[in-house]
Amino acid sequence: MMIYELGKNNSIFNQFLSELRDHGLQKDSMRFRRNLERIGEIFAYEISKKLNYVETRISTPLGMLDMNTIGEQPVLATVLRAGLPLHQGLLNYFDKADSAFVSVYRNFTKNEEGFTVKFDYISAPAVEKRNLIISDPMLATGSSLVASLKALYEKGTPAHTHVVCVLASDEGIAKLKRAFSFKKLTLWVGAIDDELTAKAFIVPGLGDAGDLAFGRKDDL
């Protein structure tokens, strides 16, 4: 599995990532969503360099020329609900792509010392021999993302899978590697943080991306 950590190199990407992490700026949910979207756009640009291109004849008002264009649009998948702004950023660039949506969630025990991942819903096109790009802001334990990919792989075997995460933990990356060592898979991540809390939140992380983007959910 190839891993690209965009935050290692200085760029405007790090400005958007720092604003996502900033506890004071997080209170502006519209800004938080927009920064996730911007980061999705940057990931889309970087991933586009790895896709296949074909020579296309273009007619301008003044003549003809050949240009390389994307051979086949990817399938863009995301994990509800936190992944929606990141997905939108990718969709802004891959604007002819098909979309897939997966609903998985953490089901905590009563004492909240542990949880299981519950799969609830999938809506997806066939992904057989297509490039699949799946986005989820946080790769913490990796359980939700692994469950989502397994559901998507029931729709076929992609030519290549690109996983897009804003933040990831070492534990989550290791789980992803173990689960799909036999797959053609690339991880695109903003930054890798070392720790997880007892409730499996990334440290220093940024908190609950879904709550910050869309409001705190009622778990009752």
N, C-alpha and C. Protein backbone atom coordinates (compact mmCIF):
# COMPACT_ATOMS: atom_id res chain seq x y z
N MET A 1 0.84 -1.20 0.00
CA MET A 1 0.00 0.00 0.00
C MET A 1 0.87 1.24 0.00
N MET A 2 0.70 2.08 -1.00
CA MET A 2 1.40 3.35 -1.06
C MET A 2 0.70 4.37 -0.16
N ILE A 3 1.49 5.22 0.51
CA ILE A 3 0.95 6.25 1.39
C ILE A 3 1.53 7.60 0.98
N TYR A 4 0.65 8.57 0.72
CA TYR A 4 1.06 9.94 0.44
C TYR A 4 0.52 10.84 1.55
N GLU A 5 1.43 11.51 2.27
CA GLU A 5 1.06 12.41 3.36
C GLU A 5 1.28 13.85 2.90
N LEU A 6 0.20 14.50 2.49
CA LEU A 6 0.32 15.81 1.87
C LEU A 6 0.83 16.89 2.82
N GLY A 7 0.53 16.74 4.11
CA GLY A 7 0.94 17.75 5.07
C GLY A 7 2.43 17.80 5.35
N LYS A 8 3.18 16.84 4.84
CA LYS A 8 4.63 16.83 5.06
C LYS A 8 5.33 17.96 4.31
N ASN A 9 4.72 18.40 3.21
CA ASN A 9 5.32 19.46 2.40
C ASN A 9 4.53 20.75 2.58
N ASN A 10 5.24 21.87 2.64
CA ASN A 10 4.59 23.15 2.82
C ASN A 10 3.74 23.52 1.60
N SER A 11 2.47 23.80 1.86
CA SER A 11 1.55 24.26 0.82
C SER A 11 0.33 24.85 1.50
N ILE A 12 -0.59 25.42 0.71
CA ILE A 12 -1.82 25.98 1.26
C ILE A 12 -2.66 24.90 1.94
N PHE A 13 -2.40 23.64 1.61
CA PHE A 13 -3.08 22.52 2.27
C PHE A 13 -2.94 22.62 3.78
N ASN A 14 -1.73 22.95 4.27
CA ASN A 14 -1.50 23.01 5.71
C ASN A 14 -2.26 24.15 6.38
N GLN A 15 -2.52 25.23 5.64
CA GLN A 15 -3.34 26.31 6.18
C GLN A 15 -4.76 25.81 6.46
N PHE A 16 -5.33 25.11 5.49
CA PHE A 16 -6.69 24.58 5.67
C PHE A 16 -6.73 23.54 6.78
N LEU A 17 -5.70 22.69 6.86
CA LEU A 17 -5.65 21.66 7.89
C LEU A 17 -5.51 22.28 9.28
N SER A 18 -4.70 23.32 9.40
CA SER A 18 -4.53 23.98 10.71
C SER A 18 -5.83 24.61 11.17
N GLU A 19 -6.63 25.14 10.23
CA GLU A 19 -7.91 25.73 10.60
C GLU A 19 -8.91 24.66 11.03
N LEU A 20 -8.84 23.48 10.42
CA LEU A 20 -9.70 22.38 10.85
C LEU A 20 -9.37 21.95 12.28
N ARG A 21 -8.10 21.97 12.62
CA ARG A 21 -7.67 21.53 13.96
C ARG A 21 -7.93 22.58 15.03
N ASP A 22 -7.92 23.86 14.67
CA ASP A 22 -7.99 24.97 15.62
C ASP A 22 -9.32 24.97 16.37
N HIS A 23 -9.24 24.82 17.69
CA HIS A 23 -10.45 24.68 18.51
C HIS A 23 -11.36 25.91 18.41
N GLY A 24 -10.76 27.10 18.29
CA GLY A 24 -11.56 28.31 18.19
C GLY A 24 -12.25 28.43 16.85
N LEU A 25 -11.54 28.15 15.78
CA LEU A 25 -12.09 28.27 14.43
C LEU A 25 -13.12 27.19 14.13
N GLN A 26 -13.02 26.06 14.83
CA GLN A 26 -13.97 24.96 14.60
C GLN A 26 -15.41 25.34 14.90
N LYS A 27 -15.61 26.38 15.70
CA LYS A 27 -16.97 26.76 16.09
C LYS A 27 -17.79 27.28 14.91
N ASP A 28 -17.10 27.68 13.85
CA ASP A 28 -17.77 28.12 12.63
C ASP A 28 -17.95 26.90 11.73
N SER A 29 -19.13 26.28 11.80
CA SER A 29 -19.34 25.02 11.07
C SER A 29 -19.29 25.21 9.56
N MET A 30 -19.71 26.38 9.06
CA MET A 30 -19.65 26.62 7.63
C MET A 30 -18.19 26.66 7.16
N ARG A 31 -17.35 27.32 7.95
CA ARG A 31 -15.92 27.38 7.61
C ARG A 31 -15.30 26.00 7.69
N PHE A 32 -15.70 25.21 8.68
CA PHE A 32 -15.18 23.86 8.83
C PHE A 32 -15.53 23.02 7.61
N ARG A 33 -16.79 23.09 7.18
CA ARG A 33 -17.20 22.33 5.99
C ARG A 33 -16.45 22.79 4.75
N ARG A 34 -16.30 24.09 4.62
CA ARG A 34 -15.61 24.63 3.43
C ARG A 34 -14.15 24.21 3.41
N ASN A 35 -13.50 24.16 4.55
CA ASN A 35 -12.10 23.72 4.58
C ASN A 35 -11.98 22.24 4.23
N LEU A 36 -12.93 21.43 4.69
CA LEU A 36 -12.94 20.03 4.26
C LEU A 36 -13.10 19.93 2.75
N GLU A 37 -13.97 20.77 2.20
CA GLU A 37 -14.20 20.76 0.76
C GLU A 37 -12.93 21.18 0.01
N ARG A 38 -12.27 22.23 0.49
CA ARG A 38 -11.02 22.68 -0.13
C ARG A 38 -9.96 21.58 -0.11
N ILE A 39 -9.85 20.90 1.02
CA ILE A 39 -8.89 19.81 1.13
C ILE A 39 -9.24 18.69 0.16
N GLY A 40 -10.53 18.41 0.00
CA GLY A 40 -10.96 17.42 -0.98
C GLY A 40 -10.54 17.80 -2.39
N GLU A 41 -10.61 19.09 -2.71
CA GLU A 41 -10.19 19.56 -4.03
C GLU A 41 -8.70 19.34 -4.25
N ILE A 42 -7.91 19.60 -3.22
CA ILE A 42 -6.46 19.40 -3.35
C ILE A 42 -6.14 17.92 -3.51
N PHE A 43 -6.80 17.07 -2.74
CA PHE A 43 -6.61 15.63 -2.91
C PHE A 43 -6.98 15.20 -4.33
N ALA A 44 -8.08 15.74 -4.85
CA ALA A 44 -8.51 15.38 -6.21
C ALA A 44 -7.44 15.73 -7.23
N TYR A 45 -6.86 16.89 -7.09
CA TYR A 45 -5.80 17.31 -8.01
C TYR A 45 -4.62 16.35 -7.96
N GLU A 46 -4.20 15.98 -6.75
CA GLU A 46 -3.05 15.08 -6.60
C GLU A 46 -3.36 13.69 -7.15
N ILE A 47 -4.56 13.18 -6.85
CA ILE A 47 -4.94 11.85 -7.34
C ILE A 47 -5.03 11.84 -8.86
N SER A 48 -5.46 12.96 -9.44
CA SER A 48 -5.63 13.02 -10.89
C SER A 48 -4.34 12.73 -11.64
N LYS A 49 -3.20 12.96 -10.99
CA LYS A 49 -1.91 12.70 -11.62
C LYS A 49 -1.64 11.20 -11.78
N LYS A 50 -2.38 10.38 -11.04
CA LYS A 50 -2.16 8.93 -11.05
C LYS A 50 -3.14 8.19 -11.97
N LEU A 51 -4.07 8.90 -12.59
CA LEU A 51 -5.08 8.26 -13.42
C LEU A 51 -4.59 8.08 -14.85
N ASN A 52 -5.33 7.30 -15.61
CA ASN A 52 -4.98 7.07 -17.02
C ASN A 52 -5.58 8.16 -17.90
N TYR A 53 -4.80 8.58 -18.90
CA TYR A 53 -5.23 9.63 -19.81
C TYR A 53 -5.21 9.13 -21.24
N VAL A 54 -6.07 9.74 -22.05
CA VAL A 54 -6.12 9.40 -23.48
C VAL A 54 -5.98 10.69 -24.29
N GLU A 55 -5.42 10.55 -25.47
CA GLU A 55 -5.26 11.70 -26.35
C GLU A 55 -6.60 12.03 -27.01
N THR A 56 -7.02 13.26 -26.88
CA THR A 56 -8.33 13.69 -27.39
C THR A 56 -8.15 14.86 -28.35
N ARG A 57 -8.83 14.79 -29.48
CA ARG A 57 -8.79 15.86 -30.47
C ARG A 57 -9.73 16.98 -30.04
N ILE A 58 -9.19 18.20 -29.91
CA ILE A 58 -9.95 19.35 -29.45
C ILE A 58 -10.02 20.40 -30.56
N SER A 59 -11.21 20.93 -30.73
CA SER A 59 -11.41 22.01 -31.71
C SER A 59 -11.58 23.33 -30.97
N THR A 60 -10.69 24.28 -31.20
CA THR A 60 -10.80 25.62 -30.62
C THR A 60 -11.40 26.56 -31.67
N PRO A 61 -11.74 27.80 -31.30
CA PRO A 61 -12.24 28.74 -32.31
C PRO A 61 -11.23 29.03 -33.42
N LEU A 62 -9.95 28.72 -33.17
CA LEU A 62 -8.92 29.08 -34.14
C LEU A 62 -8.17 27.89 -34.73
N GLY A 63 -8.49 26.69 -34.32
CA GLY A 63 -7.77 25.55 -34.87
C GLY A 63 -8.05 24.26 -34.13
N MET A 64 -7.20 23.27 -34.38
CA MET A 64 -7.33 21.93 -33.79
C MET A 64 -6.05 21.59 -33.05
N LEU A 65 -6.17 20.80 -31.98
CA LEU A 65 -5.00 20.29 -31.28
C LEU A 65 -5.37 19.03 -30.52
N ASP A 66 -4.35 18.26 -30.14
CA ASP A 66 -4.54 17.06 -29.34
C ASP A 66 -4.16 17.35 -27.90
N MET A 67 -5.00 16.93 -26.97
CA MET A 67 -4.72 17.09 -25.54
C MET A 67 -5.02 15.80 -24.81
N ASN A 68 -4.31 15.58 -23.70
CA ASN A 68 -4.57 14.40 -22.87
C ASN A 68 -5.69 14.70 -21.88
N THR A 69 -6.71 13.85 -21.88
CA THR A 69 -7.83 13.98 -20.96
C THR A 69 -8.04 12.66 -20.22
N ILE A 70 -8.74 12.71 -19.10
CA ILE A 70 -8.97 11.50 -18.29
C ILE A 70 -9.71 10.46 -19.12
N GLY A 71 -9.16 9.25 -19.13
CA GLY A 71 -9.75 8.19 -19.94
C GLY A 71 -11.10 7.73 -19.43
N GLU A 72 -11.22 7.54 -18.13
CA GLU A 72 -12.49 7.13 -17.53
C GLU A 72 -12.64 7.78 -16.17
N GLN A 73 -13.80 8.35 -15.93
CA GLN A 73 -14.06 9.00 -14.65
C GLN A 73 -14.08 7.97 -13.52
N PRO A 74 -13.55 8.34 -12.35
CA PRO A 74 -13.57 7.41 -11.21
C PRO A 74 -14.95 7.34 -10.57
N VAL A 75 -15.10 6.40 -9.66
CA VAL A 75 -16.27 6.36 -8.77
C VAL A 75 -15.86 7.01 -7.46
N LEU A 76 -16.62 7.99 -7.01
CA LEU A 76 -16.34 8.68 -5.76
C LEU A 76 -17.27 8.16 -4.67
N ALA A 77 -16.70 7.55 -3.65
CA ALA A 77 -17.49 7.02 -2.54
C ALA A 77 -17.17 7.79 -1.27
N THR A 78 -18.13 7.85 -0.37
CA THR A 78 -17.86 8.47 0.92
C THR A 78 -18.65 7.79 2.01
N VAL A 79 -18.20 8.02 3.24
CA VAL A 79 -18.83 7.45 4.43
C VAL A 79 -19.69 8.54 5.07
N LEU A 80 -20.99 8.28 5.17
CA LEU A 80 -21.91 9.25 5.77
C LEU A 80 -21.70 9.33 7.28
N ARG A 81 -21.89 10.54 7.90
CA ARG A 81 -22.20 11.79 7.27
C ARG A 81 -20.97 12.70 7.15
N ALA A 82 -19.95 12.36 7.94
CA ALA A 82 -18.77 13.22 8.05
C ALA A 82 -18.05 13.40 6.72
N GLY A 83 -18.17 12.42 5.83
CA GLY A 83 -17.42 12.48 4.59
C GLY A 83 -18.02 13.37 3.52
N LEU A 84 -19.22 13.91 3.74
CA LEU A 84 -19.92 14.65 2.68
C LEU A 84 -19.15 15.88 2.18
N PRO A 85 -18.62 16.77 3.04
CA PRO A 85 -17.89 17.93 2.51
C PRO A 85 -16.62 17.53 1.76
N LEU A 86 -15.91 16.54 2.26
CA LEU A 86 -14.71 16.05 1.60
C LEU A 86 -15.07 15.47 0.23
N HIS A 87 -16.16 14.72 0.19
CA HIS A 87 -16.67 14.16 -1.06
C HIS A 87 -17.01 15.26 -2.06
N GLN A 88 -17.62 16.33 -1.57
CA GLN A 88 -17.99 17.43 -2.46
C GLN A 88 -16.76 18.07 -3.09
N GLY A 89 -15.69 18.20 -2.31
CA GLY A 89 -14.45 18.74 -2.86
C GLY A 89 -13.90 17.88 -3.99
N LEU A 90 -13.92 16.57 -3.80
CA LEU A 90 -13.48 15.65 -4.85
C LEU A 90 -14.40 15.75 -6.06
N LEU A 91 -15.70 15.88 -5.81
CA LEU A 91 -16.68 15.95 -6.89
C LEU A 91 -16.57 17.26 -7.67
N ASN A 92 -16.12 18.32 -7.02
CA ASN A 92 -15.92 19.59 -7.72
C ASN A 92 -14.92 19.44 -8.87
N TYR A 93 -13.93 18.57 -8.68
CA TYR A 93 -12.90 18.37 -9.71
C TYR A 93 -13.27 17.21 -10.64
N PHE A 94 -13.69 16.10 -10.07
CA PHE A 94 -14.14 14.97 -10.90
C PHE A 94 -15.66 15.12 -11.11
N ASP A 95 -16.03 16.14 -11.86
CA ASP A 95 -17.44 16.54 -11.90
C ASP A 95 -18.32 15.66 -12.78
N LYS A 96 -17.73 14.70 -13.45
CA LYS A 96 -18.52 13.75 -14.24
C LYS A 96 -18.52 12.35 -13.60
N ALA A 97 -17.96 12.25 -12.42
CA ALA A 97 -17.83 10.95 -11.75
C ALA A 97 -19.17 10.47 -11.19
N ASP A 98 -19.31 9.14 -11.11
CA ASP A 98 -20.42 8.54 -10.37
C ASP A 98 -20.12 8.61 -8.87
N SER A 99 -21.16 8.59 -8.06
CA SER A 99 -20.98 8.66 -6.61
C SER A 99 -21.55 7.43 -5.92
N ALA A 100 -20.94 7.09 -4.79
CA ALA A 100 -21.41 5.99 -3.94
C ALA A 100 -21.44 6.48 -2.50
N PHE A 101 -22.42 6.00 -1.75
CA PHE A 101 -22.57 6.43 -0.36
C PHE A 101 -22.75 5.20 0.54
N VAL A 102 -21.99 5.20 1.63
CA VAL A 102 -22.05 4.09 2.59
C VAL A 102 -22.35 4.67 3.97
N SER A 103 -23.28 4.04 4.67
CA SER A 103 -23.60 4.45 6.04
C SER A 103 -23.14 3.37 7.01
N VAL A 104 -22.12 3.70 7.77
CA VAL A 104 -21.67 2.85 8.87
C VAL A 104 -21.50 3.74 10.10
N TYR A 105 -21.65 3.17 11.27
CA TYR A 105 -21.53 4.00 12.47
C TYR A 105 -21.03 3.17 13.63
N ARG A 106 -20.48 3.89 14.61
CA ARG A 106 -20.02 3.25 15.84
C ARG A 106 -21.19 3.03 16.78
N ASN A 107 -21.36 1.80 17.21
CA ASN A 107 -22.41 1.46 18.17
C ASN A 107 -21.74 1.20 19.52
N PHE A 108 -21.76 2.22 20.39
CA PHE A 108 -21.07 2.12 21.67
C PHE A 108 -21.86 1.27 22.65
N THR A 109 -21.14 0.58 23.52
CA THR A 109 -21.77 -0.15 24.62
C THR A 109 -22.27 0.87 25.64
N LYS A 110 -23.07 0.41 26.60
CA LYS A 110 -23.68 1.33 27.56
C LYS A 110 -22.65 2.10 28.37
N ASN A 111 -21.54 1.45 28.69
CA ASN A 111 -20.52 2.15 29.47
C ASN A 111 -19.54 2.90 28.58
N GLU A 112 -19.74 2.83 27.23
CA GLU A 112 -18.93 3.53 26.24
C GLU A 112 -17.45 3.19 26.33
N GLU A 113 -17.12 2.02 26.84
CA GLU A 113 -15.71 1.62 26.88
C GLU A 113 -15.31 0.87 25.62
N GLY A 114 -16.27 0.56 24.78
CA GLY A 114 -15.99 -0.13 23.54
C GLY A 114 -17.13 0.07 22.57
N PHE A 115 -16.92 -0.32 21.32
CA PHE A 115 -17.97 -0.16 20.32
C PHE A 115 -17.81 -1.21 19.23
N THR A 116 -18.90 -1.42 18.52
CA THR A 116 -18.87 -2.23 17.32
C THR A 116 -19.27 -1.33 16.15
N VAL A 117 -18.87 -1.71 14.97
CA VAL A 117 -19.21 -0.93 13.78
C VAL A 117 -20.42 -1.56 13.12
N LYS A 118 -21.46 -0.77 12.93
CA LYS A 118 -22.70 -1.24 12.32
C LYS A 118 -22.81 -0.72 10.89
N PHE A 119 -23.03 -1.64 9.96
CA PHE A 119 -23.27 -1.28 8.57
C PHE A 119 -24.77 -1.10 8.38
N ASP A 120 -25.17 0.03 7.77
CA ASP A 120 -26.59 0.35 7.68
C ASP A 120 -27.10 0.44 6.24
N TYR A 121 -26.29 0.97 5.32
CA TYR A 121 -26.84 1.32 4.00
C TYR A 121 -25.71 1.51 3.00
N ILE A 122 -25.98 1.13 1.74
CA ILE A 122 -25.06 1.43 0.65
C ILE A 122 -25.85 1.74 -0.61
N SER A 123 -25.43 2.76 -1.33
CA SER A 123 -25.96 3.08 -2.65
C SER A 123 -24.76 3.33 -3.54
N ALA A 124 -24.53 2.45 -4.51
CA ALA A 124 -23.30 2.53 -5.28
C ALA A 124 -23.48 1.94 -6.67
N PRO A 125 -22.76 2.48 -7.65
CA PRO A 125 -22.72 1.86 -8.97
C PRO A 125 -21.76 0.68 -8.96
N ALA A 126 -21.69 -0.04 -10.05
CA ALA A 126 -20.67 -1.09 -10.17
C ALA A 126 -19.29 -0.44 -10.18
N VAL A 127 -18.34 -1.07 -9.51
CA VAL A 127 -16.98 -0.52 -9.45
C VAL A 127 -15.97 -1.42 -10.16
N GLU A 128 -16.44 -2.46 -10.81
CA GLU A 128 -15.56 -3.42 -11.47
C GLU A 128 -14.64 -2.71 -12.47
N LYS A 129 -13.32 -2.89 -12.27
CA LYS A 129 -12.27 -2.38 -13.16
C LYS A 129 -12.28 -0.86 -13.30
N ARG A 130 -12.85 -0.18 -12.32
CA ARG A 130 -12.86 1.28 -12.32
C ARG A 130 -12.00 1.79 -11.17
N ASN A 131 -11.54 3.03 -11.26
CA ASN A 131 -10.83 3.64 -10.15
C ASN A 131 -11.84 4.08 -9.10
N LEU A 132 -11.65 3.60 -7.88
CA LEU A 132 -12.53 3.93 -6.76
C LEU A 132 -11.80 4.88 -5.82
N ILE A 133 -12.42 6.01 -5.52
CA ILE A 133 -11.87 6.98 -4.57
C ILE A 133 -12.85 7.09 -3.41
N ILE A 134 -12.46 6.64 -2.24
CA ILE A 134 -13.34 6.69 -1.07
C ILE A 134 -12.79 7.69 -0.06
N SER A 135 -13.66 8.55 0.45
CA SER A 135 -13.23 9.59 1.39
C SER A 135 -13.92 9.45 2.74
N ASP A 136 -13.13 9.64 3.78
CA ASP A 136 -13.61 9.65 5.16
C ASP A 136 -12.63 10.51 5.93
N PRO A 137 -13.06 11.60 6.57
CA PRO A 137 -12.10 12.53 7.18
C PRO A 137 -11.13 11.89 8.16
N MET A 138 -11.61 10.92 8.97
CA MET A 138 -10.78 10.38 10.04
C MET A 138 -10.59 8.88 9.88
N LEU A 139 -9.35 8.45 9.84
CA LEU A 139 -9.02 7.02 9.87
C LEU A 139 -8.46 6.73 11.25
N ALA A 140 -9.35 6.39 12.19
CA ALA A 140 -8.96 6.18 13.59
C ALA A 140 -8.58 4.72 13.82
N THR A 141 -9.55 3.89 14.17
CA THR A 141 -9.25 2.45 14.32
C THR A 141 -9.22 1.76 12.96
N GLY A 142 -9.87 2.37 11.97
CA GLY A 142 -9.94 1.77 10.64
C GLY A 142 -11.15 0.87 10.44
N SER A 143 -11.91 0.62 11.50
CA SER A 143 -13.02 -0.34 11.42
C SER A 143 -14.12 0.12 10.46
N SER A 144 -14.49 1.40 10.53
CA SER A 144 -15.55 1.92 9.66
C SER A 144 -15.14 1.88 8.20
N LEU A 145 -13.92 2.28 7.93
CA LEU A 145 -13.44 2.32 6.55
C LEU A 145 -13.32 0.92 5.97
N VAL A 146 -12.83 -0.02 6.76
CA VAL A 146 -12.71 -1.41 6.30
C VAL A 146 -14.10 -1.97 5.98
N ALA A 147 -15.07 -1.71 6.86
CA ALA A 147 -16.44 -2.19 6.62
C ALA A 147 -17.02 -1.57 5.36
N SER A 148 -16.74 -0.29 5.14
CA SER A 148 -17.25 0.40 3.95
C SER A 148 -16.64 -0.17 2.68
N LEU A 149 -15.35 -0.41 2.69
CA LEU A 149 -14.69 -0.95 1.50
C LEU A 149 -15.17 -2.37 1.20
N LYS A 150 -15.37 -3.17 2.23
CA LYS A 150 -15.87 -4.53 2.00
C LYS A 150 -17.24 -4.49 1.33
N ALA A 151 -18.08 -3.55 1.75
CA ALA A 151 -19.40 -3.42 1.13
C ALA A 151 -19.28 -2.97 -0.32
N LEU A 152 -18.36 -2.06 -0.60
CA LEU A 152 -18.17 -1.58 -1.96
C LEU A 152 -17.58 -2.65 -2.86
N TYR A 153 -16.70 -3.48 -2.31
CA TYR A 153 -16.07 -4.52 -3.12
C TYR A 153 -17.07 -5.61 -3.52
N GLU A 154 -18.21 -5.64 -2.87
CA GLU A 154 -19.26 -6.55 -3.31
C GLU A 154 -19.88 -6.09 -4.64
N LYS A 155 -19.61 -4.83 -5.01
CA LYS A 155 -20.07 -4.29 -6.29
C LYS A 155 -19.06 -4.54 -7.41
N GLY A 156 -17.97 -5.23 -7.10
CA GLY A 156 -16.95 -5.52 -8.09
C GLY A 156 -15.57 -5.20 -7.56
N THR A 157 -14.56 -5.57 -8.34
CA THR A 157 -13.16 -5.33 -7.96
C THR A 157 -12.63 -4.13 -8.73
N PRO A 158 -12.32 -3.03 -8.05
CA PRO A 158 -11.82 -1.85 -8.74
C PRO A 158 -10.45 -2.09 -9.38
N ALA A 159 -10.14 -1.31 -10.40
CA ALA A 159 -8.79 -1.34 -10.97
C ALA A 159 -7.79 -0.85 -9.93
N HIS A 160 -8.19 0.16 -9.16
CA HIS A 160 -7.35 0.70 -8.09
C HIS A 160 -8.25 1.43 -7.11
N THR A 161 -7.90 1.36 -5.83
CA THR A 161 -8.65 2.06 -4.79
C THR A 161 -7.77 3.15 -4.19
N HIS A 162 -8.30 4.37 -4.16
CA HIS A 162 -7.63 5.50 -3.51
C HIS A 162 -8.44 5.87 -2.26
N VAL A 163 -7.81 5.79 -1.10
CA VAL A 163 -8.46 6.13 0.17
C VAL A 163 -8.00 7.53 0.57
N VAL A 164 -8.97 8.42 0.82
CA VAL A 164 -8.67 9.81 1.15
C VAL A 164 -9.11 10.10 2.58
N CYS A 165 -8.16 10.49 3.44
CA CYS A 165 -8.44 10.83 4.84
C CYS A 165 -7.70 12.11 5.20
N VAL A 166 -8.34 12.97 5.94
CA VAL A 166 -7.67 14.18 6.41
C VAL A 166 -6.63 13.83 7.46
N LEU A 167 -7.04 13.02 8.45
CA LEU A 167 -6.14 12.57 9.51
C LEU A 167 -6.22 11.06 9.65
N ALA A 168 -5.12 10.46 10.02
CA ALA A 168 -5.08 9.01 10.23
C ALA A 168 -4.21 8.69 11.44
N SER A 169 -4.50 7.57 12.07
CA SER A 169 -3.66 7.06 13.16
C SER A 169 -2.82 5.91 12.64
N ASP A 170 -1.74 5.62 13.33
CA ASP A 170 -0.91 4.47 12.96
C ASP A 170 -1.72 3.18 13.03
N GLU A 171 -2.59 3.08 14.04
CA GLU A 171 -3.40 1.87 14.21
C GLU A 171 -4.36 1.68 13.04
N GLY A 172 -4.99 2.76 12.62
CA GLY A 172 -5.92 2.69 11.50
C GLY A 172 -5.23 2.30 10.20
N ILE A 173 -4.05 2.85 9.98
CA ILE A 173 -3.29 2.52 8.77
C ILE A 173 -2.91 1.04 8.78
N ALA A 174 -2.47 0.55 9.93
CA ALA A 174 -2.08 -0.86 10.05
C ALA A 174 -3.27 -1.78 9.77
N LYS A 175 -4.45 -1.41 10.26
CA LYS A 175 -5.65 -2.23 10.03
C LYS A 175 -6.00 -2.26 8.55
N LEU A 176 -5.89 -1.11 7.90
CA LEU A 176 -6.19 -1.03 6.47
C LEU A 176 -5.23 -1.91 5.67
N LYS A 177 -3.97 -1.88 6.04
CA LYS A 177 -2.97 -2.71 5.36
C LYS A 177 -3.28 -4.19 5.53
N ARG A 178 -3.61 -4.59 6.76
CA ARG A 178 -3.90 -6.01 7.02
C ARG A 178 -5.13 -6.48 6.25
N ALA A 179 -6.15 -5.65 6.22
CA ALA A 179 -7.42 -6.06 5.62
C ALA A 179 -7.35 -6.18 4.11
N PHE A 180 -6.51 -5.34 3.48
CA PHE A 180 -6.51 -5.29 2.02
C PHE A 180 -5.10 -5.39 1.43
N SER A 181 -4.29 -6.25 2.01
CA SER A 181 -2.92 -6.42 1.53
C SER A 181 -2.88 -6.94 0.11
N PHE A 182 -3.96 -7.59 -0.32
CA PHE A 182 -4.02 -8.19 -1.65
C PHE A 182 -4.63 -7.24 -2.68
N LYS A 183 -5.02 -6.04 -2.29
CA LYS A 183 -5.67 -5.09 -3.18
C LYS A 183 -4.68 -4.01 -3.65
N LYS A 184 -4.97 -3.46 -4.83
CA LYS A 184 -4.23 -2.30 -5.31
C LYS A 184 -4.85 -1.08 -4.64
N LEU A 185 -4.14 -0.56 -3.63
CA LEU A 185 -4.72 0.48 -2.78
C LEU A 185 -3.68 1.53 -2.44
N THR A 186 -4.08 2.80 -2.52
CA THR A 186 -3.23 3.92 -2.16
C THR A 186 -3.94 4.76 -1.11
N LEU A 187 -3.22 5.14 -0.05
CA LEU A 187 -3.77 5.99 1.00
C LEU A 187 -3.24 7.41 0.81
N TRP A 188 -4.18 8.36 0.74
CA TRP A 188 -3.86 9.78 0.68
C TRP A 188 -4.31 10.40 1.99
N VAL A 189 -3.39 10.98 2.72
CA VAL A 189 -3.70 11.48 4.06
C VAL A 189 -3.07 12.86 4.25
N GLY A 190 -3.75 13.69 5.05
CA GLY A 190 -3.20 15.00 5.35
C GLY A 190 -2.08 14.92 6.36
N ALA A 191 -2.33 14.22 7.47
CA ALA A 191 -1.33 14.06 8.52
C ALA A 191 -1.61 12.77 9.27
N ILE A 192 -0.54 12.21 9.84
CA ILE A 192 -0.65 10.98 10.63
C ILE A 192 -0.35 11.32 12.09
N ASP A 193 -1.33 11.09 12.97
CA ASP A 193 -1.16 11.32 14.41
C ASP A 193 -0.95 9.98 15.11
N ASP A 194 -0.20 10.00 16.20
CA ASP A 194 0.26 8.76 16.82
C ASP A 194 -0.77 8.09 17.72
N GLU A 195 -1.59 8.87 18.42
CA GLU A 195 -2.36 8.31 19.53
C GLU A 195 -3.85 8.20 19.25
N LEU A 196 -4.51 7.29 19.99
CA LEU A 196 -5.96 7.19 20.04
C LEU A 196 -6.40 7.24 21.50
N THR A 197 -7.53 7.90 21.77
CA THR A 197 -8.07 7.90 23.13
C THR A 197 -8.76 6.57 23.40
N ALA A 198 -9.24 6.41 24.64
CA ALA A 198 -9.97 5.18 25.00
C ALA A 198 -11.24 5.02 24.17
N LYS A 199 -11.79 6.14 23.70
CA LYS A 199 -12.99 6.10 22.86
C LYS A 199 -12.64 6.13 21.37
N ALA A 200 -11.37 5.91 21.07
CA ALA A 200 -10.89 5.78 19.69
C ALA A 200 -10.98 7.08 18.90
N PHE A 201 -10.69 8.21 19.56
CA PHE A 201 -10.53 9.47 18.86
C PHE A 201 -9.05 9.74 18.66
N ILE A 202 -8.70 10.28 17.48
CA ILE A 202 -7.31 10.56 17.15
C ILE A 202 -6.81 11.73 17.98
N VAL A 203 -5.56 11.62 18.51
CA VAL A 203 -4.92 12.66 19.30
C VAL A 203 -3.60 13.07 18.62
N PRO A 204 -3.35 14.38 18.40
CA PRO A 204 -4.18 15.52 18.79
C PRO A 204 -5.43 15.70 17.94
N GLY A 205 -5.43 15.16 16.74
CA GLY A 205 -6.65 15.10 15.94
C GLY A 205 -7.32 16.43 15.72
N LEU A 206 -8.66 16.40 15.68
CA LEU A 206 -9.46 17.62 15.56
C LEU A 206 -10.83 17.50 16.22
N GLY A 207 -11.13 16.32 16.77
CA GLY A 207 -12.44 16.09 17.38
C GLY A 207 -13.32 15.25 16.48
N ASP A 208 -14.63 15.39 16.62
CA ASP A 208 -15.60 14.63 15.84
C ASP A 208 -15.94 15.43 14.58
N ALA A 209 -15.44 15.00 13.43
CA ALA A 209 -15.61 15.75 12.19
C ALA A 209 -17.08 15.89 11.81
N GLY A 210 -17.86 14.84 12.02
CA GLY A 210 -19.28 14.91 11.68
C GLY A 210 -20.03 15.92 12.52
N ASP A 211 -19.77 15.93 13.83
CA ASP A 211 -20.42 16.90 14.71
C ASP A 211 -19.99 18.32 14.38
N LEU A 212 -18.71 18.52 14.09
CA LEU A 212 -18.21 19.85 13.79
C LEU A 212 -18.77 20.39 12.48
N ALA A 213 -19.02 19.52 11.54
CA ALA A 213 -19.54 19.94 10.24
C ALA A 213 -21.05 20.14 10.25
N PHE A 214 -21.78 19.29 11.00
CA PHE A 214 -23.23 19.27 10.87
C PHE A 214 -24.00 19.41 12.18
N GLY A 215 -23.31 19.54 13.30
CA GLY A 215 -23.97 19.67 14.59
C GLY A 215 -23.94 18.36 15.36
N ARG A 216 -23.99 18.50 16.68
CA ARG A 216 -23.90 17.32 17.54
C ARG A 216 -25.14 16.46 17.39
N LYS A 217 -24.94 15.17 17.22
CA LYS A 217 -26.06 14.25 17.03
C LYS A 217 -26.61 13.78 18.37
N ASP A 218 -27.89 13.45 18.37
CA ASP A 218 -28.56 12.90 19.54
C ASP A 218 -28.47 11.39 19.45
N ASP A 219 -27.72 10.78 20.34
CA ASP A 219 -27.51 9.34 20.30
C ASP A 219 -28.57 8.55 21.05
N LEU A 220 -29.55 9.23 21.61
CA LEU A 220 -30.58 8.52 22.38
C LEU A 220 -31.51 7.76 21.45
